[in-house]
Amino acid sequence: MGQLDGRVAVITGAGRGIGREHALLFAREGASVVVNDLARAQEVVDEITAAGGRAVANHDSVSTPEGGERIVAAAVDAFGSLEILIN
């Protein structure tokens, strides 16, 4: 049982670097993760799901209100809620 079981997290810039590491850690701890990145989101999602976690990719930009709304909507649509945001 992980510390984040049942939680839903959005992690922006999660295609590489620190964002990627956050996404992998949160998934290992039981969170369902929206991996947001303009280019590499699906690669991280594939890694999470291969390890038995739950994740979806999102490629919207955080630079506009509309992009932010679509990122939040991706979490709610896929997992029913949103409790954690790492930006």
N, C-alpha and C. Protein backbone atom coordinates (compact mmCIF):
# COMPACT_ATOMS: atom_id res chain seq x y z
N MET A 1 0.85 -1.17 0.00
CA MET A 1 0.00 0.00 0.00
C MET A 1 0.90 1.24 0.00
N GLY A 2 0.61 2.17 -0.91
CA GLY A 2 1.40 3.40 -1.02
C GLY A 2 0.77 4.54 -0.25
N GLN A 3 1.56 5.54 -0.02
CA GLN A 3 1.08 6.72 0.69
C GLN A 3 0.08 7.54 -0.10
N LEU A 4 0.00 7.33 -1.41
CA LEU A 4 -0.89 8.12 -2.26
C LEU A 4 -2.00 7.29 -2.89
N ASP A 5 -2.26 6.11 -2.35
CA ASP A 5 -3.33 5.26 -2.89
C ASP A 5 -4.64 6.04 -2.97
N GLY A 6 -5.29 5.96 -4.12
CA GLY A 6 -6.58 6.59 -4.31
C GLY A 6 -6.52 8.07 -4.66
N ARG A 7 -5.35 8.65 -4.70
CA ARG A 7 -5.21 10.07 -5.04
C ARG A 7 -4.98 10.22 -6.54
N VAL A 8 -5.32 11.39 -7.04
CA VAL A 8 -5.09 11.70 -8.45
C VAL A 8 -4.18 12.90 -8.52
N ALA A 9 -3.12 12.78 -9.32
CA ALA A 9 -2.13 13.85 -9.44
C ALA A 9 -1.97 14.27 -10.89
N VAL A 10 -1.84 15.58 -11.09
CA VAL A 10 -1.42 16.14 -12.37
C VAL A 10 0.01 16.61 -12.17
N ILE A 11 0.88 16.18 -13.06
CA ILE A 11 2.27 16.61 -12.99
C ILE A 11 2.64 17.19 -14.35
N THR A 12 2.90 18.50 -14.36
CA THR A 12 3.24 19.18 -15.61
C THR A 12 4.74 19.07 -15.84
N GLY A 13 5.13 19.12 -17.10
CA GLY A 13 6.54 18.99 -17.44
C GLY A 13 7.09 17.64 -17.06
N ALA A 14 6.25 16.62 -17.13
CA ALA A 14 6.60 15.29 -16.62
C ALA A 14 7.23 14.38 -17.67
N GLY A 15 7.62 14.91 -18.80
CA GLY A 15 8.23 14.08 -19.83
C GLY A 15 9.68 13.75 -19.60
N ARG A 16 10.33 14.54 -18.76
CA ARG A 16 11.75 14.28 -18.47
C ARG A 16 12.14 15.02 -17.19
N GLY A 17 13.33 14.76 -16.75
CA GLY A 17 13.89 15.47 -15.60
C GLY A 17 13.11 15.26 -14.32
N ILE A 18 13.05 16.32 -13.53
CA ILE A 18 12.40 16.25 -12.21
C ILE A 18 10.91 15.93 -12.33
N GLY A 19 10.23 16.47 -13.35
CA GLY A 19 8.82 16.16 -13.53
C GLY A 19 8.58 14.69 -13.78
N ARG A 20 9.42 14.08 -14.60
CA ARG A 20 9.33 12.64 -14.87
C ARG A 20 9.53 11.85 -13.59
N GLU A 21 10.52 12.21 -12.81
CA GLU A 21 10.79 11.50 -11.56
C GLU A 21 9.63 11.64 -10.58
N HIS A 22 9.02 12.81 -10.53
CA HIS A 22 7.83 12.98 -9.69
C HIS A 22 6.71 12.06 -10.15
N ALA A 23 6.47 12.01 -11.47
CA ALA A 23 5.40 11.16 -12.00
C ALA A 23 5.64 9.70 -11.63
N LEU A 24 6.86 9.23 -11.80
CA LEU A 24 7.17 7.83 -11.49
C LEU A 24 7.03 7.55 -10.00
N LEU A 25 7.50 8.47 -9.16
CA LEU A 25 7.40 8.30 -7.71
C LEU A 25 5.94 8.29 -7.26
N PHE A 26 5.16 9.26 -7.73
CA PHE A 26 3.75 9.32 -7.33
C PHE A 26 3.02 8.05 -7.75
N ALA A 27 3.31 7.55 -8.96
CA ALA A 27 2.68 6.31 -9.42
C ALA A 27 3.10 5.13 -8.54
N ARG A 28 4.39 5.05 -8.18
CA ARG A 28 4.84 3.97 -7.30
C ARG A 28 4.15 4.03 -5.94
N GLU A 29 3.81 5.23 -5.50
CA GLU A 29 3.14 5.40 -4.22
C GLU A 29 1.62 5.24 -4.32
N GLY A 30 1.12 4.90 -5.51
CA GLY A 30 -0.29 4.56 -5.67
C GLY A 30 -1.18 5.60 -6.30
N ALA A 31 -0.64 6.76 -6.64
CA ALA A 31 -1.47 7.79 -7.26
C ALA A 31 -1.76 7.43 -8.73
N SER A 32 -2.91 7.85 -9.20
CA SER A 32 -3.21 7.86 -10.62
C SER A 32 -2.66 9.18 -11.14
N VAL A 33 -1.94 9.15 -12.25
CA VAL A 33 -1.18 10.32 -12.68
C VAL A 33 -1.57 10.78 -14.07
N VAL A 34 -1.81 12.08 -14.20
CA VAL A 34 -1.91 12.72 -15.51
C VAL A 34 -0.51 13.26 -15.80
N VAL A 35 0.13 12.66 -16.78
CA VAL A 35 1.48 13.05 -17.19
C VAL A 35 1.34 14.12 -18.27
N ASN A 36 1.66 15.35 -17.92
CA ASN A 36 1.53 16.46 -18.86
C ASN A 36 2.91 16.83 -19.39
N ASP A 37 3.05 16.80 -20.71
CA ASP A 37 4.28 17.24 -21.36
C ASP A 37 3.95 17.45 -22.83
N LEU A 38 4.55 18.44 -23.43
CA LEU A 38 4.26 18.73 -24.82
C LEU A 38 4.75 17.64 -25.77
N ALA A 39 5.81 16.91 -25.40
CA ALA A 39 6.39 15.95 -26.34
C ALA A 39 6.47 14.52 -25.82
N ARG A 40 6.81 14.31 -24.55
CA ARG A 40 7.18 12.97 -24.09
C ARG A 40 6.22 12.34 -23.09
N ALA A 41 5.03 12.84 -22.99
CA ALA A 41 4.10 12.34 -21.98
C ALA A 41 3.81 10.84 -22.14
N GLN A 42 3.58 10.40 -23.36
CA GLN A 42 3.20 8.99 -23.57
C GLN A 42 4.31 8.03 -23.16
N GLU A 43 5.56 8.41 -23.34
CA GLU A 43 6.68 7.55 -22.93
C GLU A 43 6.63 7.28 -21.43
N VAL A 44 6.35 8.32 -20.65
CA VAL A 44 6.28 8.17 -19.19
C VAL A 44 5.05 7.36 -18.80
N VAL A 45 3.93 7.61 -19.46
CA VAL A 45 2.72 6.82 -19.20
C VAL A 45 2.98 5.35 -19.47
N ASP A 46 3.65 5.04 -20.56
CA ASP A 46 3.96 3.65 -20.88
C ASP A 46 4.81 3.01 -19.79
N GLU A 47 5.75 3.75 -19.26
CA GLU A 47 6.61 3.24 -18.19
C GLU A 47 5.79 2.98 -16.92
N ILE A 48 4.90 3.91 -16.59
CA ILE A 48 4.07 3.75 -15.39
C ILE A 48 3.13 2.56 -15.54
N THR A 49 2.45 2.46 -16.67
CA THR A 49 1.49 1.37 -16.84
C THR A 49 2.20 0.01 -16.94
N ALA A 50 3.39 -0.03 -17.50
CA ALA A 50 4.15 -1.29 -17.56
C ALA A 50 4.50 -1.79 -16.16
N ALA A 51 4.62 -0.86 -15.22
CA ALA A 51 4.93 -1.22 -13.83
C ALA A 51 3.67 -1.48 -13.01
N GLY A 52 2.50 -1.41 -13.66
CA GLY A 52 1.25 -1.69 -12.97
C GLY A 52 0.51 -0.47 -12.46
N GLY A 53 1.00 0.72 -12.77
CA GLY A 53 0.34 1.94 -12.32
C GLY A 53 -0.72 2.43 -13.27
N ARG A 54 -1.38 3.50 -12.87
CA ARG A 54 -2.44 4.11 -13.68
C ARG A 54 -1.99 5.49 -14.09
N ALA A 55 -2.04 5.78 -15.39
CA ALA A 55 -1.61 7.09 -15.88
C ALA A 55 -2.22 7.35 -17.25
N VAL A 56 -2.40 8.63 -17.55
CA VAL A 56 -2.82 9.06 -18.87
C VAL A 56 -1.91 10.22 -19.30
N ALA A 57 -1.74 10.33 -20.61
CA ALA A 57 -0.92 11.41 -21.17
C ALA A 57 -1.79 12.61 -21.48
N ASN A 58 -1.17 13.78 -21.34
CA ASN A 58 -1.82 15.03 -21.73
C ASN A 58 -0.75 15.92 -22.33
N HIS A 59 -1.07 16.54 -23.48
CA HIS A 59 -0.09 17.35 -24.21
C HIS A 59 -0.47 18.82 -24.26
N ASP A 60 -1.39 19.27 -23.42
CA ASP A 60 -1.79 20.67 -23.42
C ASP A 60 -0.73 21.55 -22.79
N SER A 61 -0.71 22.81 -23.20
CA SER A 61 0.25 23.78 -22.66
C SER A 61 -0.31 24.43 -21.40
N VAL A 62 0.55 24.58 -20.41
CA VAL A 62 0.14 25.27 -19.17
C VAL A 62 0.17 26.79 -19.34
N SER A 63 0.57 27.27 -20.50
CA SER A 63 0.75 28.70 -20.71
C SER A 63 -0.54 29.46 -20.99
N THR A 64 -1.65 28.74 -21.13
CA THR A 64 -2.93 29.42 -21.36
C THR A 64 -3.97 28.89 -20.38
N PRO A 65 -4.96 29.72 -20.05
CA PRO A 65 -6.03 29.23 -19.18
C PRO A 65 -6.76 28.03 -19.78
N GLU A 66 -6.95 28.03 -21.09
CA GLU A 66 -7.64 26.93 -21.75
C GLU A 66 -6.84 25.63 -21.62
N GLY A 67 -5.54 25.72 -21.77
CA GLY A 67 -4.70 24.53 -21.60
C GLY A 67 -4.78 24.00 -20.19
N GLY A 68 -4.74 24.90 -19.21
CA GLY A 68 -4.87 24.49 -17.82
C GLY A 68 -6.20 23.81 -17.55
N GLU A 69 -7.26 24.35 -18.12
CA GLU A 69 -8.58 23.75 -17.95
C GLU A 69 -8.63 22.34 -18.55
N ARG A 70 -8.00 22.16 -19.70
CA ARG A 70 -8.00 20.84 -20.35
C ARG A 70 -7.17 19.83 -19.54
N ILE A 71 -6.11 20.29 -18.91
CA ILE A 71 -5.29 19.40 -18.08
C ILE A 71 -6.11 18.91 -16.89
N VAL A 72 -6.79 19.83 -16.22
CA VAL A 72 -7.64 19.45 -15.08
C VAL A 72 -8.75 18.53 -15.55
N ALA A 73 -9.36 18.85 -16.68
CA ALA A 73 -10.44 18.01 -17.21
C ALA A 73 -9.93 16.61 -17.52
N ALA A 74 -8.69 16.48 -17.99
CA ALA A 74 -8.13 15.15 -18.27
C ALA A 74 -8.10 14.30 -17.00
N ALA A 75 -7.75 14.91 -15.88
CA ALA A 75 -7.71 14.18 -14.61
C ALA A 75 -9.11 13.74 -14.19
N VAL A 76 -10.04 14.66 -14.24
CA VAL A 76 -11.41 14.36 -13.82
C VAL A 76 -12.05 13.34 -14.76
N ASP A 77 -11.83 13.49 -16.06
CA ASP A 77 -12.40 12.54 -17.02
C ASP A 77 -11.83 11.14 -16.85
N ALA A 78 -10.52 11.05 -16.63
CA ALA A 78 -9.88 9.74 -16.55
C ALA A 78 -10.04 9.07 -15.20
N PHE A 79 -10.00 9.88 -14.12
CA PHE A 79 -9.93 9.30 -12.78
C PHE A 79 -10.98 9.80 -11.80
N GLY A 80 -11.81 10.76 -12.20
CA GLY A 80 -12.93 11.18 -11.38
C GLY A 80 -12.66 12.30 -10.40
N SER A 81 -11.40 12.72 -10.24
CA SER A 81 -11.10 13.78 -9.29
C SER A 81 -9.70 14.32 -9.55
N LEU A 82 -9.29 15.27 -8.73
CA LEU A 82 -7.93 15.80 -8.76
C LEU A 82 -7.60 16.30 -7.37
N GLU A 83 -6.57 15.71 -6.75
CA GLU A 83 -6.16 16.12 -5.41
C GLU A 83 -4.79 16.78 -5.37
N ILE A 84 -3.93 16.49 -6.34
CA ILE A 84 -2.54 16.92 -6.27
C ILE A 84 -2.15 17.56 -7.60
N LEU A 85 -1.46 18.71 -7.51
CA LEU A 85 -0.91 19.36 -8.69
C LEU A 85 0.56 19.66 -8.44
N ILE A 86 1.42 19.14 -9.30
CA ILE A 86 2.85 19.46 -9.28
C ILE A 86 3.11 20.21 -10.57
N ASN A 87 3.47 21.48 -10.45
CA ASN A 87 3.67 22.32 -11.63
C ASN A 87 5.06 22.91 -11.57
